[in-house]
C-alpha atoms as a PDB file:
ATOM      1  CA  MET A   1      -9.353   4.847   1.908  1.00  0.00           C
ATOM      2  CA  ARG A   2      -9.270   1.164   2.281  1.00  0.00           C
ATOM      3  CA  GLY A   3      -5.784   1.228   0.479  1.00  0.00           C
ATOM      4  CA  ILE A   4      -4.344   3.455   3.267  1.00  0.00           C
ATOM      5  CA  LYS A   5      -5.967   1.494   5.995  1.00  0.00           C
ATOM      6  CA  ASN A   6      -4.726  -1.751   4.776  1.00  0.00           C
ATOM      7  CA  PHE A   7      -1.099  -0.225   4.210  1.00  0.00           C
ATOM      8  CA  PHE A   8      -1.234   1.079   8.307  1.00  0.00           C
ATOM      9  CA  HIS A   9      -2.734  -2.127   9.614  1.00  0.00           C
ATOM     10  CA  ASP A  10       0.236  -4.160   7.607  1.00  0.00           C
ATOM     11  CA  ILE A  11       3.129  -1.889   8.690  1.00  0.00           C
ATOM     12  CA  ASN A  12       1.865  -1.810  12.424  1.00  0.00           C
ATOM     13  CA  ASP A  13       3.091  -4.629  13.565  1.00  0.00           C
ATOM     14  CA  ILE A  14       6.645  -4.086  11.743  1.00  0.00           C
ATOM     15  CA  VAL A  15       7.162  -0.524  13.462  1.00  0.00           C
ATOM     16  CA  LEU A  16       5.671  -2.040  16.860  1.00  0.00           C
ATOM     17  CA  ALA A  17       8.420  -4.920  16.735  1.00  0.00           C
ATOM     18  CA  LEU A  18      11.171  -2.153  15.413  1.00  0.00           C
ATOM     19  CA  VAL A  19      10.068   0.160  18.482  1.00  0.00           C
ATOM     20  CA  ILE A  20      10.591  -2.843  20.969  1.00  0.00           C
ATOM     21  CA  VAL A  21      14.261  -3.989  19.429  1.00  0.00           C
ATOM     22  CA  VAL A  22      15.446  -0.234  20.036  1.00  0.00           C
ATOM     23  CA  VAL A  23      13.783   0.261  23.431  1.00  0.00           C
ATOM     24  CA  ALA A  24      15.622  -2.502  24.219  1.00  0.00           C
ATOM     25  CA  ALA A  25      18.806  -2.088  22.582  1.00  0.00           C
ATOM     26  CA  GLY A  26      18.416   1.391  23.547  1.00  0.00           C
ATOM     27  CA  ILE A  27      18.328   0.207  27.604  1.00  0.00           C
ATOM     28  CA  ILE A  28      21.126  -2.398  27.254  1.00  0.00           C
ATOM     29  CA  PHE A  29      23.753   0.745  25.644  1.00  0.00           C
ATOM     30  CA  TRP A  30      22.579   2.863  28.349  1.00  0.00           C
ATOM     31  CA  ARG A  31      23.384   0.288  31.050  1.00  0.00           C
ATOM     32  CA  MET A  32      26.261  -1.383  29.444  1.00  0.00           C
ATOM     33  CA  GLN A  33      28.728  -0.185  32.121  1.00  0.00           C
ATOM     34  CA  VAL A  34      26.634  -1.122  35.238  1.00  0.00           C
ATOM     35  CA  ILE A  35      25.821  -4.485  33.342  1.00  0.00           C
ATOM     36  CA  MET A  36      30.356  -5.049  32.516  1.00  0.00           C
ATOM     37  CA  LYS A  37      30.672  -4.167  36.281  1.00  0.00           C
ATOM     38  CA  TYR A  38      28.497  -6.610  38.005  1.00  0.00           C
ATOM     39  CA  PRO A  39      31.084  -9.176  37.881  1.00  0.00           C
ATOM     40  CA  GLN A  40      33.649  -7.198  39.393  1.00  0.00           C
ATOM     41  CA  GLU A  41      31.498  -5.934  42.163  1.00  0.00           C
ATOM     42  CA  MET A  42      30.376  -9.650  42.612  1.00  0.00           C
ATOM     43  CA  ALA A  43      34.026 -10.961  43.055  1.00  0.00           C
ATOM     44  CA  LYS A  44      34.753  -7.919  44.833  1.00  0.00           C
ATOM     45  CA  HIS A  45      31.870  -8.843  47.484  1.00  0.00           C
ATOM     46  CA  ASN A  46      32.990 -12.297  47.463  1.00  0.00           C
ATOM     47  CA  ALA A  47      36.486 -11.360  48.269  1.00  0.00           C
ATOM     48  CA  VAL A  48      35.529  -9.202  51.448  1.00  0.00           C
ATOM     49  CA  GLN A  49      33.354 -12.629  52.376  1.00  0.00           C
ATOM     50  CA  VAL A  50      35.966 -14.934  52.364  1.00  0.00           C
ATOM     51  CA  GLU A  51      38.389 -12.671  54.201  1.00  0.00           C
ATOM     52  CA  GLN A  52      36.127 -11.729  56.732  1.00  0.00           C
ATOM     53  CA  GLN A  53      35.512 -15.601  57.572  1.00  0.00           C
ATOM     54  CA  ASP A  54      39.000 -15.805  57.391  1.00  0.00           C
ATOM     55  CA  GLU A  55      39.714 -13.453  59.966  1.00  0.00           C
ATOM     56  CA  ALA A  56      37.163 -14.902  62.016  1.00  0.00           C
ATOM     57  CA  LYS A  57      38.722 -18.476  62.048  1.00  0.00           C
ATOM     58  CA  SER A  58      42.276 -17.150  62.591  1.00  0.00           C
ATOM     59  CA  SER A  59      40.505 -14.845  65.495  1.00  0.00           C
ATOM     60  CA  SER A  60      38.569 -17.393  67.116  1.00  0.00           C
ATOM     61  CA  ALA A  61      42.178 -19.710  66.815  1.00  0.00           C
ATOM     62  CA  SER A  62      44.301 -17.211  68.073  1.00  0.00           C
ATOM     63  CA  ASP A  63      41.487 -16.576  71.364  1.00  0.00           C
ATOM     64  CA  LYS A  64      41.559 -20.482  71.869  1.00  0.00           C
ATOM     65  CA  VAL A  65      45.921 -20.457  71.721  1.00  0.00           C
ATOM     66  CA  ALA A  66      45.550 -17.486  74.236  1.00  0.00           C
ATOM     67  CA  GLU A  67      43.289 -19.302  76.571  1.00  0.00           C
ATOM     68  CA  ASP A  68      45.143 -22.391  76.525  1.00  0.00           C
ATOM     69  CA  ALA A  69      48.130 -20.519  77.444  1.00  0.00           C
ATOM     70  CA  ASP A  70      46.281 -19.125  80.232  1.00  0.00           C
ATOM     71  CA  LYS A  71      45.223 -21.934  81.558  1.00  0.00           C
ATOM     72  CA  THR A  72      48.618 -23.802  81.315  1.00  0.00           C
ATOM     73  CA  ALA A  73      49.997 -20.734  83.212  1.00  0.00           C
ATOM     74  CA  ALA A  74      47.080 -20.903  85.868  1.00  0.00           C
ATOM     75  CA  ASP A  75      47.727 -25.128  86.344  1.00  0.00           C
ATOM     76  CA  LYS A  76      51.667 -24.013  86.534  1.00  0.00           C
ATOM     77  CA  THR A  77      50.618 -21.458  89.329  1.00  0.00           C
ATOM     78  CA  ALA A  78      48.608 -23.643  91.055  1.00  0.00           C
ATOM     79  CA  ASN A  79      50.981 -26.620  90.957  1.00  0.00           C
ATOM     80  CA  ASP A  80      53.751 -24.445  92.357  1.00  0.00           C
ATOM     81  CA  LYS A  81      51.261 -23.383  94.838  1.00  0.00           C
ATOM     82  CA  ASP A  82      50.514 -26.736  95.907  1.00  0.00           C
ATOM     83  CA  GLU A  83      54.157 -28.191  96.149  1.00  0.00           C
ATOM     84  CA  LYS A  84      55.654 -26.570  99.606  1.00  0.00           C
ATOM     85  CA  PRO A  85      58.925 -26.870 100.189  1.00  0.00           C
ATOM     86  CA  LYS A  86      59.660 -29.905 102.610  1.00  0.00           C
ATOM     87  CA  GLY A  87      62.091 -29.228 105.163  1.00  0.00           C
END
């Protein structure tokens, strides 16, 4: 009886360690595709953010150019009205 009890106590730690290793390996292999896609997804996400930032910068720059053109045209029109032909 003690021989069987000692055998189970000695083997219990080894079996528990093997179960933990097998479960961890199983989870890693099960999720391997998701793990391998993660860097690609992050690269896509970062690329989209950079693209949106670039669009926002170019949009604000083009808006500023359009505003400057409108102001220039308005100033020119105002100057033309101020200058009356002398005669």
